[in-house]
Amino acid sequence: MEKELVEYIVKSLVDFPDQVDVNVVEGEKSTILELRVASEDVGKVIGKQGRIAKAIRTILSASATRDGKRAVLEILD
């Protein structure tokens, strides 16, 4: 569920939506979502002073909390 949510949000922000890749790593207490986008789109996903990345993380956290889980978003190069 969280993977699809992040993919949907990020694909609507970037210029190269076909290069958006979200990898899910399940841990004991939390889920880590590793996000990779085209190098040209990294700035669009992070935003000025990290505002967009923070907003995506907030939405992700709310969604995961509703399911009784913890989710972390990592934006990778």
PDB file of N, CA and C in Angstrom:
ATOM      1  N   MET A   1       0.833  -1.202   0.000  1.00  0.00           N
ATOM      2  CA  MET A   1       0.000   0.000   0.000  1.00  0.00           C
ATOM      3  C   MET A   1       0.870   1.255   0.000  1.00  0.00           C
ATOM      4  N   GLU A   2       1.845   1.321   0.910  1.00  0.00           N
ATOM      5  CA  GLU A   2       2.705   2.500   0.991  1.00  0.00           C
ATOM      6  C   GLU A   2       3.537   2.673  -0.280  1.00  0.00           C
ATOM      7  N   LYS A   3       3.971   1.557  -0.866  1.00  0.00           N
ATOM      8  CA  LYS A   3       4.775   1.630  -2.084  1.00  0.00           C
ATOM      9  C   LYS A   3       3.995   2.316  -3.199  1.00  0.00           C
ATOM     10  N   GLU A   4       2.753   1.913  -3.395  1.00  0.00           N
ATOM     11  CA  GLU A   4       1.934   2.492  -4.445  1.00  0.00           C
ATOM     12  C   GLU A   4       1.666   3.974  -4.186  1.00  0.00           C
ATOM     13  N   LEU A   5       1.483   4.325  -2.925  1.00  0.00           N
ATOM     14  CA  LEU A   5       1.242   5.716  -2.555  1.00  0.00           C
ATOM     15  C   LEU A   5       2.441   6.586  -2.916  1.00  0.00           C
ATOM     16  N   VAL A   6       3.639   6.154  -2.535  1.00  0.00           N
ATOM     17  CA  VAL A   6       4.853   6.915  -2.844  1.00  0.00           C
ATOM     18  C   VAL A   6       5.065   6.997  -4.349  1.00  0.00           C
ATOM     19  N   GLU A   7       4.876   5.884  -5.056  1.00  0.00           N
ATOM     20  CA  GLU A   7       5.040   5.894  -6.517  1.00  0.00           C
ATOM     21  C   GLU A   7       4.089   6.892  -7.167  1.00  0.00           C
ATOM     22  N   TYR A   8       2.856   6.906  -6.744  1.00  0.00           N
ATOM     23  CA  TYR A   8       1.864   7.809  -7.319  1.00  0.00           C
ATOM     24  C   TYR A   8       2.246   9.271  -7.107  1.00  0.00           C
ATOM     25  N   ILE A   9       2.633   9.609  -5.878  1.00  0.00           N
ATOM     26  CA  ILE A   9       2.992  10.991  -5.558  1.00  0.00           C
ATOM     27  C   ILE A   9       4.225  11.421  -6.354  1.00  0.00           C
ATOM     28  N   VAL A  10       5.265  10.591  -6.345  1.00  0.00           N
ATOM     29  CA  VAL A  10       6.524  10.966  -6.994  1.00  0.00           C
ATOM     30  C   VAL A  10       6.366  11.027  -8.506  1.00  0.00           C
ATOM     31  N   LYS A  11       5.647  10.095  -9.098  1.00  0.00           N
ATOM     32  CA  LYS A  11       5.473  10.104 -10.553  1.00  0.00           C
ATOM     33  C   LYS A  11       4.741  11.359 -11.027  1.00  0.00           C
ATOM     34  N   SER A  12       3.894  11.916 -10.185  1.00  0.00           N
ATOM     35  CA  SER A  12       3.193  13.137 -10.578  1.00  0.00           C
ATOM     36  C   SER A  12       4.083  14.376 -10.473  1.00  0.00           C
ATOM     37  N   LEU A  13       5.226  14.258  -9.784  1.00  0.00           N
ATOM     38  CA  LEU A  13       6.118  15.394  -9.591  1.00  0.00           C
ATOM     39  C   LEU A  13       7.250  15.476 -10.612  1.00  0.00           C
ATOM     40  N   VAL A  14       7.702  14.347 -11.131  1.00  0.00           N
ATOM     41  CA  VAL A  14       8.941  14.294 -11.912  1.00  0.00           C
ATOM     42  C   VAL A  14       8.701  14.401 -13.423  1.00  0.00           C
ATOM     43  N   ASP A  15       9.802  14.674 -14.144  1.00  0.00           N
ATOM     44  CA  ASP A  15       9.741  14.739 -15.606  1.00  0.00           C
ATOM     45  C   ASP A  15       9.874  13.371 -16.258  1.00  0.00           C
ATOM     46  N   PHE A  16      10.512  12.420 -15.555  1.00  0.00           N
ATOM     47  CA  PHE A  16      10.739  11.076 -16.087  1.00  0.00           C
ATOM     48  C   PHE A  16      10.070  10.029 -15.174  1.00  0.00           C
ATOM     49  N   PRO A  17       8.736   9.931 -15.231  1.00  0.00           N
ATOM     50  CA  PRO A  17       8.039   9.006 -14.326  1.00  0.00           C
ATOM     51  C   PRO A  17       8.379   7.538 -14.566  1.00  0.00           C
ATOM     52  N   ASP A  18       8.841   7.198 -15.785  1.00  0.00           N
ATOM     53  CA  ASP A  18       9.178   5.804 -16.056  1.00  0.00           C
ATOM     54  C   ASP A  18      10.460   5.381 -15.341  1.00  0.00           C
ATOM     55  N   GLN A  19      11.235   6.332 -14.821  1.00  0.00           N
ATOM     56  CA  GLN A  19      12.466   5.999 -14.113  1.00  0.00           C
ATOM     57  C   GLN A  19      12.291   5.991 -12.593  1.00  0.00           C
ATOM     58  N   VAL A  20      11.058   6.131 -12.115  1.00  0.00           N
ATOM     59  CA  VAL A  20      10.795   6.074 -10.683  1.00  0.00           C
ATOM     60  C   VAL A  20      10.791   4.616 -10.253  1.00  0.00           C
ATOM     61  N   ASP A  21      11.586   4.321  -9.217  1.00  0.00           N
ATOM     62  CA  ASP A  21      11.669   2.948  -8.705  1.00  0.00           C
ATOM     63  C   ASP A  21      11.598   2.985  -7.189  1.00  0.00           C
ATOM     64  N   VAL A  22      10.680   2.231  -6.620  1.00  0.00           N
ATOM     65  CA  VAL A  22      10.546   2.142  -5.172  1.00  0.00           C
ATOM     66  C   VAL A  22      10.797   0.697  -4.774  1.00  0.00           C
ATOM     67  N   ASN A  23      11.813   0.514  -3.931  1.00  0.00           N
ATOM     68  CA  ASN A  23      12.168  -0.813  -3.437  1.00  0.00           C
ATOM     69  C   ASN A  23      11.767  -0.889  -1.966  1.00  0.00           C
ATOM     70  N   VAL A  24      11.071  -1.943  -1.577  1.00  0.00           N
ATOM     71  CA  VAL A  24      10.601  -2.092  -0.200  1.00  0.00           C
ATOM     72  C   VAL A  24      11.492  -3.081   0.535  1.00  0.00           C
ATOM     73  N   VAL A  25      12.003  -2.646   1.696  1.00  0.00           N
ATOM     74  CA  VAL A  25      12.822  -3.506   2.546  1.00  0.00           C
ATOM     75  C   VAL A  25      12.072  -3.656   3.871  1.00  0.00           C
ATOM     76  N   GLU A  26      11.590  -4.873   4.121  1.00  0.00           N
ATOM     77  CA  GLU A  26      10.831  -5.130   5.341  1.00  0.00           C
ATOM     78  C   GLU A  26      11.782  -5.449   6.486  1.00  0.00           C
ATOM     79  N   GLY A  27      11.628  -4.732   7.598  1.00  0.00           N
ATOM     80  CA  GLY A  27      12.397  -4.997   8.800  1.00  0.00           C
ATOM     81  C   GLY A  27      11.493  -5.552   9.875  1.00  0.00           C
ATOM     82  N   GLU A  28      12.069  -5.792  11.062  1.00  0.00           N
ATOM     83  CA  GLU A  28      11.264  -6.332  12.160  1.00  0.00           C
ATOM     84  C   GLU A  28      10.217  -5.324  12.635  1.00  0.00           C
ATOM     85  N   LYS A  29      10.667  -4.078  12.839  1.00  0.00           N
ATOM     86  CA  LYS A  29       9.764  -3.078  13.399  1.00  0.00           C
ATOM     87  C   LYS A  29       9.312  -2.030  12.400  1.00  0.00           C
ATOM     88  N   SER A  30       9.985  -1.950  11.258  1.00  0.00           N
ATOM     89  CA  SER A  30       9.627  -0.901  10.309  1.00  0.00           C
ATOM     90  C   SER A  30       9.843  -1.366   8.875  1.00  0.00           C
ATOM     91  N   THR A  31       9.305  -0.598   7.959  1.00  0.00           N
ATOM     92  CA  THR A  31       9.458  -0.830   6.533  1.00  0.00           C
ATOM     93  C   THR A  31      10.245   0.340   5.955  1.00  0.00           C
ATOM     94  N   ILE A  32      11.270   0.034   5.170  1.00  0.00           N
ATOM     95  CA  ILE A  32      12.066   1.071   4.528  1.00  0.00           C
ATOM     96  C   ILE A  32      11.718   1.086   3.046  1.00  0.00           C
ATOM     97  N   LEU A  33      11.367   2.251   2.545  1.00  0.00           N
ATOM     98  CA  LEU A  33      11.093   2.419   1.126  1.00  0.00           C
ATOM     99  C   LEU A  33      12.255   3.186   0.521  1.00  0.00           C
ATOM    100  N   GLU A  34      12.970   2.545  -0.401  1.00  0.00           N
ATOM    101  CA  GLU A  34      14.104   3.163  -1.069  1.00  0.00           C
ATOM    102  C   GLU A  34      13.615   3.726  -2.398  1.00  0.00           C
ATOM    103  N   LEU A  35      13.724   5.015  -2.560  1.00  0.00           N
ATOM    104  CA  LEU A  35      13.229   5.697  -3.755  1.00  0.00           C
ATOM    105  C   LEU A  35      14.388   6.090  -4.644  1.00  0.00           C
ATOM    106  N   ARG A  36      14.312   5.700  -5.907  1.00  0.00           N
ATOM    107  CA  ARG A  36      15.288   6.118  -6.909  1.00  0.00           C
ATOM    108  C   ARG A  36      14.544   6.809  -8.042  1.00  0.00           C
ATOM    109  N   VAL A  37      15.087   7.972  -8.453  1.00  0.00           N
ATOM    110  CA  VAL A  37      14.528   8.704  -9.584  1.00  0.00           C
ATOM    111  C   VAL A  37      15.682   9.107 -10.499  1.00  0.00           C
ATOM    112  N   ALA A  38      15.363   9.612 -11.676  1.00  0.00           N
ATOM    113  CA  ALA A  38      16.388  10.110 -12.600  1.00  0.00           C
ATOM    114  C   ALA A  38      17.158  11.242 -11.912  1.00  0.00           C
ATOM    115  N   SER A  39      18.444  11.346 -12.219  1.00  0.00           N
ATOM    116  CA  SER A  39      19.273  12.361 -11.553  1.00  0.00           C
ATOM    117  C   SER A  39      18.734  13.776 -11.763  1.00  0.00           C
ATOM    118  N   GLU A  40      18.092  14.009 -12.894  1.00  0.00           N
ATOM    119  CA  GLU A  40      17.516  15.326 -13.160  1.00  0.00           C
ATOM    120  C   GLU A  40      16.317  15.628 -12.264  1.00  0.00           C
ATOM    121  N   ASP A  41      15.694  14.595 -11.716  1.00  0.00           N
ATOM    122  CA  ASP A  41      14.472  14.761 -10.926  1.00  0.00           C
ATOM    123  C   ASP A  41      14.694  14.765  -9.415  1.00  0.00           C
ATOM    124  N   VAL A  42      15.923  14.538  -8.972  1.00  0.00           N
ATOM    125  CA  VAL A  42      16.167  14.452  -7.528  1.00  0.00           C
ATOM    126  C   VAL A  42      15.760  15.747  -6.833  1.00  0.00           C
ATOM    127  N   GLY A  43      16.105  16.875  -7.416  1.00  0.00           N
ATOM    128  CA  GLY A  43      15.752  18.163  -6.827  1.00  0.00           C
ATOM    129  C   GLY A  43      14.257  18.380  -6.718  1.00  0.00           C
ATOM    130  N   LYS A  44      13.509  17.878  -7.688  1.00  0.00           N
ATOM    131  CA  LYS A  44      12.054  18.026  -7.656  1.00  0.00           C
ATOM    132  C   LYS A  44      11.435  17.199  -6.542  1.00  0.00           C
ATOM    133  N   VAL A  45      12.040  16.051  -6.243  1.00  0.00           N
ATOM    134  CA  VAL A  45      11.500  15.185  -5.194  1.00  0.00           C
ATOM    135  C   VAL A  45      11.863  15.734  -3.817  1.00  0.00           C
ATOM    136  N   ILE A  46      13.050  16.319  -3.694  1.00  0.00           N
ATOM    137  CA  ILE A  46      13.477  16.857  -2.404  1.00  0.00           C
ATOM    138  C   ILE A  46      12.836  18.216  -2.146  1.00  0.00           C
ATOM    139  N   GLY A  47      12.814  19.075  -3.149  1.00  0.00           N
ATOM    140  CA  GLY A  47      12.196  20.384  -2.997  1.00  0.00           C
ATOM    141  C   GLY A  47      13.107  21.373  -2.292  1.00  0.00           C
ATOM    142  N   LYS A  48      12.686  22.619  -2.255  1.00  0.00           N
ATOM    143  CA  LYS A  48      13.467  23.653  -1.581  1.00  0.00           C
ATOM    144  C   LYS A  48      13.497  23.375  -0.089  1.00  0.00           C
ATOM    145  N   GLN A  49      14.717  23.322   0.447  1.00  0.00           N
ATOM    146  CA  GLN A  49      14.954  23.046   1.868  1.00  0.00           C
ATOM    147  C   GLN A  49      14.295  21.741   2.318  1.00  0.00           C
ATOM    148  N   GLY A  50      14.090  20.820   1.381  1.00  0.00           N
ATOM    149  CA  GLY A  50      13.549  19.511   1.726  1.00  0.00           C
ATOM    150  C   GLY A  50      12.068  19.477   2.022  1.00  0.00           C
ATOM    151  N   ARG A  51      11.355  20.501   1.623  1.00  0.00           N
ATOM    152  CA  ARG A  51       9.930  20.583   1.965  1.00  0.00           C
ATOM    153  C   ARG A  51       9.094  19.478   1.325  1.00  0.00           C
ATOM    154  N   ILE A  52       9.346  19.185   0.051  1.00  0.00           N
ATOM    155  CA  ILE A  52       8.545  18.154  -0.627  1.00  0.00           C
ATOM    156  C   ILE A  52       8.845  16.782  -0.044  1.00  0.00           C
ATOM    157  N   ALA A  53      10.131  16.494   0.191  1.00  0.00           N
ATOM    158  CA  ALA A  53      10.502  15.210   0.795  1.00  0.00           C
ATOM    159  C   ALA A  53       9.863  15.061   2.171  1.00  0.00           C
ATOM    160  N   LYS A  54       9.855  16.139   2.942  1.00  0.00           N
ATOM    161  CA  LYS A  54       9.243  16.090   4.274  1.00  0.00           C
ATOM    162  C   LYS A  54       7.735  15.837   4.174  1.00  0.00           C
ATOM    163  N   ALA A  55       7.087  16.473   3.201  1.00  0.00           N
ATOM    164  CA  ALA A  55       5.649  16.280   3.021  1.00  0.00           C
ATOM    165  C   ALA A  55       5.337  14.841   2.620  1.00  0.00           C
ATOM    166  N   ILE A  56       6.144  14.275   1.715  1.00  0.00           N
ATOM    167  CA  ILE A  56       5.940  12.878   1.306  1.00  0.00           C
ATOM    168  C   ILE A  56       6.123  11.954   2.508  1.00  0.00           C
ATOM    169  N   ARG A  57       7.154  12.227   3.316  1.00  0.00           N
ATOM    170  CA  ARG A  57       7.399  11.397   4.511  1.00  0.00           C
ATOM    171  C   ARG A  57       6.255  11.503   5.506  1.00  0.00           C
ATOM    172  N   THR A  58       5.672  12.690   5.647  1.00  0.00           N
ATOM    173  CA  THR A  58       4.544  12.879   6.560  1.00  0.00           C
ATOM    174  C   THR A  58       3.331  12.063   6.107  1.00  0.00           C
ATOM    175  N   ILE A  59       3.026  12.117   4.812  1.00  0.00           N
ATOM    176  CA  ILE A  59       1.902  11.345   4.275  1.00  0.00           C
ATOM    177  C   ILE A  59       2.165   9.854   4.441  1.00  0.00           C
ATOM    178  N   LEU A  60       3.389   9.432   4.150  1.00  0.00           N
ATOM    179  CA  LEU A  60       3.766   8.024   4.298  1.00  0.00           C
ATOM    180  C   LEU A  60       3.632   7.570   5.741  1.00  0.00           C
ATOM    181  N   SER A  61       4.094   8.387   6.656  1.00  0.00           N
ATOM    182  CA  SER A  61       4.015   8.050   8.079  1.00  0.00           C
ATOM    183  C   SER A  61       2.563   7.927   8.541  1.00  0.00           C
ATOM    184  N   ALA A  62       1.710   8.833   8.091  1.00  0.00           N
ATOM    185  CA  ALA A  62       0.288   8.774   8.459  1.00  0.00           C
ATOM    186  C   ALA A  62      -0.363   7.515   7.918  1.00  0.00           C
ATOM    187  N   SER A  63      -0.032   7.155   6.687  1.00  0.00           N
ATOM    188  CA  SER A  63      -0.589   5.946   6.078  1.00  0.00           C
ATOM    189  C   SER A  63      -0.125   4.692   6.817  1.00  0.00           C
ATOM    190  N   ALA A  64       1.154   4.654   7.152  1.00  0.00           N
ATOM    191  CA  ALA A  64       1.695   3.477   7.843  1.00  0.00           C
ATOM    192  C   ALA A  64       1.147   3.375   9.260  1.00  0.00           C
ATOM    193  N   THR A  65       1.008   4.507   9.940  1.00  0.00           N
ATOM    194  CA  THR A  65       0.488   4.505  11.309  1.00  0.00           C
ATOM    195  C   THR A  65      -0.940   3.977  11.341  1.00  0.00           C
ATOM    196  N   ARG A  66      -1.704   4.319  10.316  1.00  0.00           N
ATOM    197  CA  ARG A  66      -3.083   3.835  10.226  1.00  0.00           C
ATOM    198  C   ARG A  66      -3.120   2.306  10.194  1.00  0.00           C
ATOM    199  N   ASP A  67      -2.085   1.726   9.562  1.00  0.00           N
ATOM    200  CA  ASP A  67      -1.987   0.271   9.482  1.00  0.00           C
ATOM    201  C   ASP A  67      -1.235  -0.335  10.663  1.00  0.00           C
ATOM    202  N   GLY A  68      -0.838   0.507  11.621  1.00  0.00           N
ATOM    203  CA  GLY A  68      -0.119   0.017  12.792  1.00  0.00           C
ATOM    204  C   GLY A  68       1.334  -0.323  12.500  1.00  0.00           C
ATOM    205  N   LYS A  69       1.926   0.343  11.526  1.00  0.00           N
ATOM    206  CA  LYS A  69       3.308   0.076  11.149  1.00  0.00           C
ATOM    207  C   LYS A  69       4.129   1.352  11.235  1.00  0.00           C
ATOM    208  N   ARG A  70       5.411   1.228  10.925  1.00  0.00           N
ATOM    209  CA  ARG A  70       6.305   2.384  10.821  1.00  0.00           C
ATOM    210  C   ARG A  70       6.997   2.301   9.472  1.00  0.00           C
ATOM    211  N   ALA A  71       6.998   3.400   8.724  1.00  0.00           N
ATOM    212  CA  ALA A  71       7.612   3.409   7.403  1.00  0.00           C
ATOM    213  C   ALA A  71       8.612   4.551   7.308  1.00  0.00           C
ATOM    214  N   VAL A  72       9.736   4.282   6.638  1.00  0.00           N
ATOM    215  CA  VAL A  72      10.793   5.266   6.449  1.00  0.00           C
ATOM    216  C   VAL A  72      11.060   5.392   4.953  1.00  0.00           C
ATOM    217  N   LEU A  73      11.194   6.628   4.480  1.00  0.00           N
ATOM    218  CA  LEU A  73      11.494   6.874   3.067  1.00  0.00           C
ATOM    219  C   LEU A  73      12.939   7.329   2.936  1.00  0.00           C
ATOM    220  N   GLU A  74      13.700   6.628   2.105  1.00  0.00           N
ATOM    221  CA  GLU A  74      15.070   7.017   1.800  1.00  0.00           C
ATOM    222  C   GLU A  74      15.141   7.366   0.320  1.00  0.00           C
ATOM    223  N   ILE A  75      15.697   8.529   0.017  1.00  0.00           N
ATOM    224  CA  ILE A  75      15.861   8.951  -1.364  1.00  0.00           C
ATOM    225  C   ILE A  75      17.312   8.683  -1.739  1.00  0.00           C
ATOM    226  N   LEU A  76      17.523   7.754  -2.672  1.00  0.00           N
ATOM    227  CA  LEU A  76      18.853   7.311  -3.044  1.00  0.00           C
ATOM    228  C   LEU A  76      19.285   7.923  -4.364  1.00  0.00           C
ATOM    229  N   ASP A  77      20.608   8.052  -4.529  1.00  0.00           N
ATOM    230  CA  ASP A  77      21.171   8.552  -5.791  1.00  0.00           C
ATOM    231  C   ASP A  77      21.203   7.460  -6.811  1.00  0.00           C
TER     232      ASP A  77
END
